[in-house]
Amino acid sequence: MSRLTEALESFYNLLCLEYPEIAASLQPGLTRSEIDEKVKNLQFSLPEEVYELYQWRNGMQQDIRFYIRGFKNNLSAYFCSLEEALSLDYVMNSDYLTIF
């Protein structure tokens, strides 16, 4: 298991304890071949970390915002699925922080 996956699992364990509704909204990860199929038309290659992130979990099932404390205005965030992240319309018109 890589350091990134270990960190994501630690984060997930914290979510399970503190924010179970957010943890429950995370979708199962994609396989490498599923990701390759979805990104085959991109004009650039994704970093391995993006593959690893979406193999871990494929975003959130529900429209649940979570807030990151410590920012001036409590930053609202949402972990979008790979499909949403690839949708230019979604990224350009979203009021969410898209997390890759």
PDB file of N, CA and C in Angstrom:
ATOM      1  N   MET A   1       0.847  -1.168   0.000  1.00  0.00           N
ATOM      2  CA  MET A   1       0.000   0.000   0.000  1.00  0.00           C
ATOM      3  C   MET A   1       0.901   1.243   0.000  1.00  0.00           C
ATOM      4  N   SER A   2       0.583   2.178  -0.867  1.00  0.00           N
ATOM      5  CA  SER A   2       1.397   3.392  -0.970  1.00  0.00           C
ATOM      6  C   SER A   2       1.095   4.355   0.178  1.00  0.00           C
ATOM      7  N   ARG A   3       1.944   5.337   0.321  1.00  0.00           N
ATOM      8  CA  ARG A   3       1.734   6.353   1.367  1.00  0.00           C
ATOM      9  C   ARG A   3       0.446   7.132   1.117  1.00  0.00           C
ATOM     10  N   LEU A   4       0.132   7.390  -0.146  1.00  0.00           N
ATOM     11  CA  LEU A   4      -1.104   8.103  -0.459  1.00  0.00           C
ATOM     12  C   LEU A   4      -2.310   7.278  -0.029  1.00  0.00           C
ATOM     13  N   THR A   5      -2.338   6.007  -0.390  1.00  0.00           N
ATOM     14  CA  THR A   5      -3.465   5.152  -0.018  1.00  0.00           C
ATOM     15  C   THR A   5      -3.554   5.012   1.502  1.00  0.00           C
ATOM     16  N   GLU A   6      -2.424   4.903   2.164  1.00  0.00           N
ATOM     17  CA  GLU A   6      -2.430   4.842   3.631  1.00  0.00           C
ATOM     18  C   GLU A   6      -3.035   6.113   4.227  1.00  0.00           C
ATOM     19  N   ALA A   7      -2.667   7.263   3.680  1.00  0.00           N
ATOM     20  CA  ALA A   7      -3.210   8.533   4.166  1.00  0.00           C
ATOM     21  C   ALA A   7      -4.711   8.628   3.895  1.00  0.00           C
ATOM     22  N   LEU A   8      -5.136   8.181   2.719  1.00  0.00           N
ATOM     23  CA  LEU A   8      -6.559   8.203   2.388  1.00  0.00           C
ATOM     24  C   LEU A   8      -7.345   7.278   3.315  1.00  0.00           C
ATOM     25  N   GLU A   9      -6.793   6.116   3.621  1.00  0.00           N
ATOM     26  CA  GLU A   9      -7.455   5.186   4.540  1.00  0.00           C
ATOM     27  C   GLU A   9      -7.537   5.782   5.942  1.00  0.00           C
ATOM     28  N   SER A  10      -6.493   6.463   6.388  1.00  0.00           N
ATOM     29  CA  SER A  10      -6.531   7.135   7.690  1.00  0.00           C
ATOM     30  C   SER A  10      -7.615   8.210   7.704  1.00  0.00           C
ATOM     31  N   PHE A  11      -7.689   8.971   6.620  1.00  0.00           N
ATOM     32  CA  PHE A  11      -8.728   9.996   6.489  1.00  0.00           C
ATOM     33  C   PHE A  11     -10.113   9.361   6.513  1.00  0.00           C
ATOM     34  N   TYR A  12     -10.275   8.260   5.802  1.00  0.00           N
ATOM     35  CA  TYR A  12     -11.550   7.550   5.776  1.00  0.00           C
ATOM     36  C   TYR A  12     -11.930   7.074   7.179  1.00  0.00           C
ATOM     37  N   ASN A  13     -10.983   6.528   7.915  1.00  0.00           N
ATOM     38  CA  ASN A  13     -11.264   6.069   9.277  1.00  0.00           C
ATOM     39  C   ASN A  13     -11.720   7.219  10.165  1.00  0.00           C
ATOM     40  N   LEU A  14     -11.099   8.389  10.000  1.00  0.00           N
ATOM     41  CA  LEU A  14     -11.529   9.572  10.739  1.00  0.00           C
ATOM     42  C   LEU A  14     -12.948   9.964  10.340  1.00  0.00           C
ATOM     43  N   LEU A  15     -13.234   9.940   9.038  1.00  0.00           N
ATOM     44  CA  LEU A  15     -14.594  10.254   8.575  1.00  0.00           C
ATOM     45  C   LEU A  15     -15.614   9.304   9.188  1.00  0.00           C
ATOM     46  N   CYS A  16     -15.285   8.028   9.242  1.00  0.00           N
ATOM     47  CA  CYS A  16     -16.211   7.038   9.817  1.00  0.00           C
ATOM     48  C   CYS A  16     -16.559   7.389  11.261  1.00  0.00           C
ATOM     49  N   LEU A  17     -15.584   7.877  11.995  1.00  0.00           N
ATOM     50  CA  LEU A  17     -15.808   8.220  13.405  1.00  0.00           C
ATOM     51  C   LEU A  17     -16.514   9.560  13.581  1.00  0.00           C
ATOM     52  N   GLU A  18     -16.065  10.559  12.852  1.00  0.00           N
ATOM     53  CA  GLU A  18     -16.539  11.924  13.067  1.00  0.00           C
ATOM     54  C   GLU A  18     -17.669  12.360  12.130  1.00  0.00           C
ATOM     55  N   TYR A  19     -17.656  11.842  10.909  1.00  0.00           N
ATOM     56  CA  TYR A  19     -18.633  12.256   9.893  1.00  0.00           C
ATOM     57  C   TYR A  19     -19.132  11.030   9.118  1.00  0.00           C
ATOM     58  N   PRO A  20     -19.866  10.148   9.774  1.00  0.00           N
ATOM     59  CA  PRO A  20     -20.269   8.899   9.116  1.00  0.00           C
ATOM     60  C   PRO A  20     -21.110   9.094   7.856  1.00  0.00           C
ATOM     61  N   GLU A  21     -21.859  10.196   7.783  1.00  0.00           N
ATOM     62  CA  GLU A  21     -22.674  10.434   6.585  1.00  0.00           C
ATOM     63  C   GLU A  21     -21.793  10.725   5.371  1.00  0.00           C
ATOM     64  N   ILE A  22     -20.662  11.364   5.592  1.00  0.00           N
ATOM     65  CA  ILE A  22     -19.729  11.616   4.493  1.00  0.00           C
ATOM     66  C   ILE A  22     -19.030  10.313   4.107  1.00  0.00           C
ATOM     67  N   ALA A  23     -18.581   9.556   5.088  1.00  0.00           N
ATOM     68  CA  ALA A  23     -17.921   8.272   4.811  1.00  0.00           C
ATOM     69  C   ALA A  23     -18.842   7.348   4.033  1.00  0.00           C
ATOM     70  N   ALA A  24     -20.116   7.314   4.411  1.00  0.00           N
ATOM     71  CA  ALA A  24     -21.081   6.438   3.738  1.00  0.00           C
ATOM     72  C   ALA A  24     -21.367   6.880   2.305  1.00  0.00           C
ATOM     73  N   SER A  25     -21.118   8.144   1.996  1.00  0.00           N
ATOM     74  CA  SER A  25     -21.415   8.643   0.650  1.00  0.00           C
ATOM     75  C   SER A  25     -20.305   8.348  -0.359  1.00  0.00           C
ATOM     76  N   LEU A  26     -19.157   7.878   0.105  1.00  0.00           N
ATOM     77  CA  LEU A  26     -18.048   7.591  -0.815  1.00  0.00           C
ATOM     78  C   LEU A  26     -18.348   6.353  -1.647  1.00  0.00           C
ATOM     79  N   GLN A  27     -18.157   6.473  -2.944  1.00  0.00           N
ATOM     80  CA  GLN A  27     -18.409   5.369  -3.870  1.00  0.00           C
ATOM     81  C   GLN A  27     -17.194   4.441  -3.945  1.00  0.00           C
ATOM     82  N   PRO A  28     -17.415   3.190  -4.271  1.00  0.00           N
ATOM     83  CA  PRO A  28     -16.278   2.274  -4.456  1.00  0.00           C
ATOM     84  C   PRO A  28     -15.345   2.783  -5.551  1.00  0.00           C
ATOM     85  N   GLY A  29     -14.085   2.416  -5.435  1.00  0.00           N
ATOM     86  CA  GLY A  29     -13.094   2.826  -6.423  1.00  0.00           C
ATOM     87  C   GLY A  29     -13.284   2.145  -7.762  1.00  0.00           C
ATOM     88  N   LEU A  30     -12.628   2.700  -8.756  1.00  0.00           N
ATOM     89  CA  LEU A  30     -12.641   2.153 -10.112  1.00  0.00           C
ATOM     90  C   LEU A  30     -11.394   1.301 -10.326  1.00  0.00           C
ATOM     91  N   THR A  31     -11.458   0.415 -11.294  1.00  0.00           N
ATOM     92  CA  THR A  31     -10.262  -0.325 -11.679  1.00  0.00           C
ATOM     93  C   THR A  31      -9.411   0.546 -12.589  1.00  0.00           C
ATOM     94  N   ARG A  32      -8.175   0.175 -12.740  1.00  0.00           N
ATOM     95  CA  ARG A  32      -7.273   0.913 -13.638  1.00  0.00           C
ATOM     96  C   ARG A  32      -7.846   0.942 -15.055  1.00  0.00           C
ATOM     97  N   SER A  33      -8.381  -0.175 -15.506  1.00  0.00           N
ATOM     98  CA  SER A  33      -8.925  -0.218 -16.869  1.00  0.00           C
ATOM     99  C   SER A  33     -10.192   0.632 -17.000  1.00  0.00           C
ATOM    100  N   GLU A  34     -11.003   0.722 -15.953  1.00  0.00           N
ATOM    101  CA  GLU A  34     -12.176   1.600 -15.996  1.00  0.00           C
ATOM    102  C   GLU A  34     -11.742   3.065 -16.096  1.00  0.00           C
ATOM    103  N   ILE A  35     -10.725   3.431 -15.350  1.00  0.00           N
ATOM    104  CA  ILE A  35     -10.210   4.808 -15.426  1.00  0.00           C
ATOM    105  C   ILE A  35      -9.638   5.069 -16.813  1.00  0.00           C
ATOM    106  N   ASP A  36      -8.831   4.128 -17.318  1.00  0.00           N
ATOM    107  CA  ASP A  36      -8.249   4.293 -18.655  1.00  0.00           C
ATOM    108  C   ASP A  36      -9.333   4.509 -19.707  1.00  0.00           C
ATOM    109  N   GLU A  37     -10.416   3.773 -19.602  1.00  0.00           N
ATOM    110  CA  GLU A  37     -11.511   3.907 -20.568  1.00  0.00           C
ATOM    111  C   GLU A  37     -12.144   5.295 -20.481  1.00  0.00           C
ATOM    112  N   LYS A  38     -12.331   5.795 -19.276  1.00  0.00           N
ATOM    113  CA  LYS A  38     -12.975   7.094 -19.092  1.00  0.00           C
ATOM    114  C   LYS A  38     -12.086   8.264 -19.529  1.00  0.00           C
ATOM    115  N   VAL A  39     -10.769   8.098 -19.457  1.00  0.00           N
ATOM    116  CA  VAL A  39      -9.858   9.206 -19.775  1.00  0.00           C
ATOM    117  C   VAL A  39      -9.179   9.055 -21.133  1.00  0.00           C
ATOM    118  N   LYS A  40      -9.595   8.080 -21.908  1.00  0.00           N
ATOM    119  CA  LYS A  40      -8.893   7.784 -23.169  1.00  0.00           C
ATOM    120  C   LYS A  40      -8.893   8.947 -24.154  1.00  0.00           C
ATOM    121  N   ASN A  41      -9.853   9.866 -24.053  1.00  0.00           N
ATOM    122  CA  ASN A  41      -9.911  10.983 -25.007  1.00  0.00           C
ATOM    123  C   ASN A  41      -9.218  12.251 -24.508  1.00  0.00           C
ATOM    124  N   LEU A  42      -8.645  12.195 -23.327  1.00  0.00           N
ATOM    125  CA  LEU A  42      -7.916  13.367 -22.834  1.00  0.00           C
ATOM    126  C   LEU A  42      -6.659  13.580 -23.668  1.00  0.00           C
ATOM    127  N   GLN A  43      -6.253  14.820 -23.795  1.00  0.00           N
ATOM    128  CA  GLN A  43      -5.062  15.143 -24.573  1.00  0.00           C
ATOM    129  C   GLN A  43      -3.807  15.190 -23.710  1.00  0.00           C
ATOM    130  N   PHE A  44      -3.912  14.666 -22.507  1.00  0.00           N
ATOM    131  CA  PHE A  44      -2.771  14.621 -21.594  1.00  0.00           C
ATOM    132  C   PHE A  44      -2.915  13.375 -20.727  1.00  0.00           C
ATOM    133  N   SER A  45      -1.855  13.005 -20.074  1.00  0.00           N
ATOM    134  CA  SER A  45      -1.868  11.840 -19.192  1.00  0.00           C
ATOM    135  C   SER A  45      -2.119  12.284 -17.760  1.00  0.00           C
ATOM    136  N   LEU A  46      -2.881  11.491 -17.050  1.00  0.00           N
ATOM    137  CA  LEU A  46      -3.124  11.782 -15.639  1.00  0.00           C
ATOM    138  C   LEU A  46      -1.949  11.322 -14.794  1.00  0.00           C
ATOM    139  N   PRO A  47      -1.639  12.058 -13.747  1.00  0.00           N
ATOM    140  CA  PRO A  47      -0.592  11.597 -12.830  1.00  0.00           C
ATOM    141  C   PRO A  47      -1.040  10.310 -12.123  1.00  0.00           C
ATOM    142  N   GLU A  48      -0.095   9.522 -11.710  1.00  0.00           N
ATOM    143  CA  GLU A  48      -0.400   8.270 -11.012  1.00  0.00           C
ATOM    144  C   GLU A  48      -1.232   8.507  -9.757  1.00  0.00           C
ATOM    145  N   GLU A  49      -1.032   9.654  -9.101  1.00  0.00           N
ATOM    146  CA  GLU A  49      -1.789   9.955  -7.894  1.00  0.00           C
ATOM    147  C   GLU A  49      -3.289  10.073  -8.168  1.00  0.00           C
ATOM    148  N   VAL A  50      -3.650  10.566  -9.351  1.00  0.00           N
ATOM    149  CA  VAL A  50      -5.069  10.660  -9.702  1.00  0.00           C
ATOM    150  C   VAL A  50      -5.637   9.256  -9.906  1.00  0.00           C
ATOM    151  N   TYR A  51      -4.868   8.398 -10.569  1.00  0.00           N
ATOM    152  CA  TYR A  51      -5.289   6.997 -10.702  1.00  0.00           C
ATOM    153  C   TYR A  51      -5.493   6.379  -9.323  1.00  0.00           C
ATOM    154  N   GLU A  52      -4.529   6.607  -8.458  1.00  0.00           N
ATOM    155  CA  GLU A  52      -4.598   6.015  -7.121  1.00  0.00           C
ATOM    156  C   GLU A  52      -5.806   6.535  -6.342  1.00  0.00           C
ATOM    157  N   LEU A  53      -6.092   7.831  -6.438  1.00  0.00           N
ATOM    158  CA  LEU A  53      -7.242   8.415  -5.758  1.00  0.00           C
ATOM    159  C   LEU A  53      -8.539   7.766  -6.223  1.00  0.00           C
ATOM    160  N   TYR A  54      -8.715   7.667  -7.538  1.00  0.00           N
ATOM    161  CA  TYR A  54      -9.970   7.130  -8.057  1.00  0.00           C
ATOM    162  C   TYR A  54     -10.033   5.603  -7.994  1.00  0.00           C
ATOM    163  N   GLN A  55      -8.920   4.941  -7.780  1.00  0.00           N
ATOM    164  CA  GLN A  55      -8.954   3.516  -7.485  1.00  0.00           C
ATOM    165  C   GLN A  55      -9.361   3.310  -6.023  1.00  0.00           C
ATOM    166  N   TRP A  56      -9.025   4.259  -5.181  1.00  0.00           N
ATOM    167  CA  TRP A  56      -9.402   4.190  -3.771  1.00  0.00           C
ATOM    168  C   TRP A  56     -10.903   4.398  -3.609  1.00  0.00           C
ATOM    169  N   ARG A  57     -11.423   5.513  -4.113  1.00  0.00           N
ATOM    170  CA  ARG A  57     -12.855   5.832  -4.092  1.00  0.00           C
ATOM    171  C   ARG A  57     -13.153   6.689  -5.320  1.00  0.00           C
ATOM    172  N   ASN A  58     -14.374   6.535  -5.841  1.00  0.00           N
ATOM    173  CA  ASN A  58     -14.786   7.318  -7.006  1.00  0.00           C
ATOM    174  C   ASN A  58     -15.746   8.430  -6.591  1.00  0.00           C
ATOM    175  N   GLY A  59     -15.278   9.314  -5.766  1.00  0.00           N
ATOM    176  CA  GLY A  59     -16.086  10.455  -5.361  1.00  0.00           C
ATOM    177  C   GLY A  59     -17.190  10.086  -4.397  1.00  0.00           C
ATOM    178  N   MET A  60     -18.135  11.006  -4.288  1.00  0.00           N
ATOM    179  CA  MET A  60     -19.247  10.859  -3.358  1.00  0.00           C
ATOM    180  C   MET A  60     -20.526  10.564  -4.121  1.00  0.00           C
ATOM    181  N   GLN A  61     -21.374   9.709  -3.543  1.00  0.00           N
ATOM    182  CA  GLN A  61     -22.651   9.344  -4.166  1.00  0.00           C
ATOM    183  C   GLN A  61     -23.675  10.470  -4.088  1.00  0.00           C
ATOM    184  N   GLN A  62     -23.643  11.170  -3.008  1.00  0.00           N
ATOM    185  CA  GLN A  62     -24.668  12.169  -2.752  1.00  0.00           C
ATOM    186  C   GLN A  62     -24.078  13.562  -2.815  1.00  0.00           C
ATOM    187  N   ASP A  63     -24.959  14.499  -2.942  1.00  0.00           N
ATOM    188  CA  ASP A  63     -24.543  15.897  -2.959  1.00  0.00           C
ATOM    189  C   ASP A  63     -24.390  16.366  -1.514  1.00  0.00           C
ATOM    190  N   ILE A  64     -23.313  15.949  -0.881  1.00  0.00           N
ATOM    191  CA  ILE A  64     -23.035  16.334   0.502  1.00  0.00           C
ATOM    192  C   ILE A  64     -21.830  17.264   0.500  1.00  0.00           C
ATOM    193  N   ARG A  65     -22.025  18.442   0.982  1.00  0.00           N
ATOM    194  CA  ARG A  65     -20.908  19.373   1.128  1.00  0.00           C
ATOM    195  C   ARG A  65     -20.293  19.168   2.494  1.00  0.00           C
ATOM    196  N   PHE A  66     -19.017  19.344   2.554  1.00  0.00           N
ATOM    197  CA  PHE A  66     -18.390  19.380   3.860  1.00  0.00           C
ATOM    198  C   PHE A  66     -17.554  20.636   3.943  1.00  0.00           C
ATOM    199  N   TYR A  67     -17.321  21.081   5.136  1.00  0.00           N
ATOM    200  CA  TYR A  67     -16.667  22.360   5.344  1.00  0.00           C
ATOM    201  C   TYR A  67     -15.291  22.158   5.956  1.00  0.00           C
ATOM    202  N   ILE A  68     -14.338  22.877   5.442  1.00  0.00           N
ATOM    203  CA  ILE A  68     -12.969  22.808   5.923  1.00  0.00           C
ATOM    204  C   ILE A  68     -12.748  24.003   6.831  1.00  0.00           C
ATOM    205  N   ARG A  69     -12.601  23.744   8.110  1.00  0.00           N
ATOM    206  CA  ARG A  69     -12.395  24.826   9.074  1.00  0.00           C
ATOM    207  C   ARG A  69     -10.979  25.380   8.949  1.00  0.00           C
ATOM    208  N   GLY A  70     -10.807  26.576   9.405  1.00  0.00           N
ATOM    209  CA  GLY A  70      -9.489  27.190   9.381  1.00  0.00           C
ATOM    210  C   GLY A  70      -9.334  28.185   8.249  1.00  0.00           C
ATOM    211  N   PHE A  71     -10.221  28.091   7.267  1.00  0.00           N
ATOM    212  CA  PHE A  71     -10.213  29.079   6.200  1.00  0.00           C
ATOM    213  C   PHE A  71     -11.088  30.255   6.630  1.00  0.00           C
ATOM    214  N   LYS A  72     -10.858  31.386   6.052  1.00  0.00           N
ATOM    215  CA  LYS A  72     -11.570  32.605   6.447  1.00  0.00           C
ATOM    216  C   LYS A  72     -13.087  32.413   6.426  1.00  0.00           C
ATOM    217  N   ASN A  73     -13.602  31.736   5.415  1.00  0.00           N
ATOM    218  CA  ASN A  73     -15.052  31.578   5.280  1.00  0.00           C
ATOM    219  C   ASN A  73     -15.494  30.116   5.304  1.00  0.00           C
ATOM    220  N   ASN A  74     -14.783  29.250   6.029  1.00  0.00           N
ATOM    221  CA  ASN A  74     -15.129  27.826   6.080  1.00  0.00           C
ATOM    222  C   ASN A  74     -15.397  27.276   4.674  1.00  0.00           C
ATOM    223  N   LEU A  75     -14.362  26.945   3.977  1.00  0.00           N
ATOM    224  CA  LEU A  75     -14.396  26.478   2.601  1.00  0.00           C
ATOM    225  C   LEU A  75     -15.290  25.261   2.448  1.00  0.00           C
ATOM    226  N   SER A  76     -16.222  25.316   1.527  1.00  0.00           N
ATOM    227  CA  SER A  76     -17.108  24.205   1.222  1.00  0.00           C
ATOM    228  C   SER A  76     -16.451  23.321   0.173  1.00  0.00           C
ATOM    229  N   ALA A  77     -16.539  22.004   0.344  1.00  0.00           N
ATOM    230  CA  ALA A  77     -15.859  21.094  -0.577  1.00  0.00           C
ATOM    231  C   ALA A  77     -16.752  19.910  -0.908  1.00  0.00           C
ATOM    232  N   TYR A  78     -16.429  19.253  -1.995  1.00  0.00           N
ATOM    233  CA  TYR A  78     -17.151  18.076  -2.471  1.00  0.00           C
ATOM    234  C   TYR A  78     -16.155  17.242  -3.270  1.00  0.00           C
ATOM    235  N   PHE A  79     -16.110  15.941  -3.025  1.00  0.00           N
ATOM    236  CA  PHE A  79     -15.219  15.035  -3.754  1.00  0.00           C
ATOM    237  C   PHE A  79     -16.036  14.447  -4.902  1.00  0.00           C
ATOM    238  N   CYS A  80     -15.824  14.977  -6.098  1.00  0.00           N
ATOM    239  CA  CYS A  80     -16.624  14.541  -7.240  1.00  0.00           C
ATOM    240  C   CYS A  80     -16.088  13.238  -7.822  1.00  0.00           C
ATOM    241  N   SER A  81     -16.969  12.533  -8.499  1.00  0.00           N
ATOM    242  CA  SER A  81     -16.575  11.308  -9.191  1.00  0.00           C
ATOM    243  C   SER A  81     -15.686  11.661 -10.372  1.00  0.00           C
ATOM    244  N   LEU A  82     -15.012  10.679 -10.899  1.00  0.00           N
ATOM    245  CA  LEU A  82     -14.168  10.918 -12.066  1.00  0.00           C
ATOM    246  C   LEU A  82     -15.009  11.408 -13.234  1.00  0.00           C
ATOM    247  N   GLU A  83     -16.191  10.855 -13.386  1.00  0.00           N
ATOM    248  CA  GLU A  83     -17.073  11.282 -14.476  1.00  0.00           C
ATOM    249  C   GLU A  83     -17.403  12.767 -14.349  1.00  0.00           C
ATOM    250  N   GLU A  84     -17.708  13.208 -13.135  1.00  0.00           N
ATOM    251  CA  GLU A  84     -18.003  14.627 -12.913  1.00  0.00           C
ATOM    252  C   GLU A  84     -16.768  15.487 -13.165  1.00  0.00           C
ATOM    253  N   ALA A  85     -15.626  15.010 -12.691  1.00  0.00           N
ATOM    254  CA  ALA A  85     -14.390  15.775 -12.864  1.00  0.00           C
ATOM    255  C   ALA A  85     -14.041  15.941 -14.338  1.00  0.00           C
ATOM    256  N   LEU A  86     -14.393  14.965 -15.154  1.00  0.00           N
ATOM    257  CA  LEU A  86     -14.084  15.027 -16.580  1.00  0.00           C
ATOM    258  C   LEU A  86     -15.079  15.871 -17.367  1.00  0.00           C
ATOM    259  N   SER A  87     -16.163  16.224 -16.735  1.00  0.00           N
ATOM    260  CA  SER A  87     -17.185  17.016 -17.403  1.00  0.00           C
ATOM    261  C   SER A  87     -16.828  18.493 -17.288  1.00  0.00           C
ATOM    262  N   LEU A  88     -16.396  19.089 -18.375  1.00  0.00           N
ATOM    263  CA  LEU A  88     -16.014  20.502 -18.374  1.00  0.00           C
ATOM    264  C   LEU A  88     -17.166  21.367 -17.897  1.00  0.00           C
ATOM    265  N   ASP A  89     -18.379  21.040 -18.294  1.00  0.00           N
ATOM    266  CA  ASP A  89     -19.545  21.803 -17.875  1.00  0.00           C
ATOM    267  C   ASP A  89     -19.675  21.775 -16.360  1.00  0.00           C
ATOM    268  N   TYR A  90     -19.450  20.619 -15.753  1.00  0.00           N
ATOM    269  CA  TYR A  90     -19.546  20.507 -14.298  1.00  0.00           C
ATOM    270  C   TYR A  90     -18.487  21.369 -13.619  1.00  0.00           C
ATOM    271  N   VAL A  91     -17.260  21.247 -14.066  1.00  0.00           N
ATOM    272  CA  VAL A  91     -16.166  21.979 -13.434  1.00  0.00           C
ATOM    273  C   VAL A  91     -16.349  23.483 -13.608  1.00  0.00           C
ATOM    274  N   MET A  92     -16.745  23.917 -14.777  1.00  0.00           N
ATOM    275  CA  MET A  92     -16.848  25.349 -15.053  1.00  0.00           C
ATOM    276  C   MET A  92     -18.035  25.996 -14.334  1.00  0.00           C
ATOM    277  N   ASN A  93     -19.101  25.232 -14.064  1.00  0.00           N
ATOM    278  CA  ASN A  93     -20.308  25.815 -13.488  1.00  0.00           C
ATOM    279  C   ASN A  93     -20.551  25.403 -12.045  1.00  0.00           C
ATOM    280  N   SER A  94     -19.600  24.748 -11.454  1.00  0.00           N
ATOM    281  CA  SER A  94     -19.786  24.250 -10.096  1.00  0.00           C
ATOM    282  C   SER A  94     -19.351  25.292  -9.080  1.00  0.00           C
ATOM    283  N   ASP A  95     -20.085  25.321  -7.954  1.00  0.00           N
ATOM    284  CA  ASP A  95     -19.646  26.187  -6.867  1.00  0.00           C
ATOM    285  C   ASP A  95     -18.928  25.356  -5.799  1.00  0.00           C
ATOM    286  N   TYR A  96     -18.543  24.141  -6.166  1.00  0.00           N
ATOM    287  CA  TYR A  96     -17.794  23.262  -5.280  1.00  0.00           C
ATOM    288  C   TYR A  96     -16.311  23.379  -5.562  1.00  0.00           C
ATOM    289  N   LEU A  97     -15.524  23.019  -4.587  1.00  0.00           N
ATOM    290  CA  LEU A  97     -14.091  22.837  -4.796  1.00  0.00           C
ATOM    291  C   LEU A  97     -13.938  21.421  -5.332  1.00  0.00           C
ATOM    292  N   THR A  98     -13.473  21.281  -6.552  1.00  0.00           N
ATOM    293  CA  THR A  98     -13.261  19.959  -7.122  1.00  0.00           C
ATOM    294  C   THR A  98     -11.943  19.419  -6.609  1.00  0.00           C
ATOM    295  N   ILE A  99     -11.986  18.287  -5.963  1.00  0.00           N
ATOM    296  CA  ILE A  99     -10.808  17.697  -5.358  1.00  0.00           C
ATOM    297  C   ILE A  99     -10.318  16.560  -6.239  1.00  0.00           C
ATOM    298  N   PHE A 100      -9.084  16.659  -6.665  1.00  0.00           N
ATOM    299  CA  PHE A 100      -8.455  15.587  -7.433  1.00  0.00           C
ATOM    300  C   PHE A 100      -7.448  14.925  -6.537  1.00  0.00           C
TER     301      PHE A 100
END
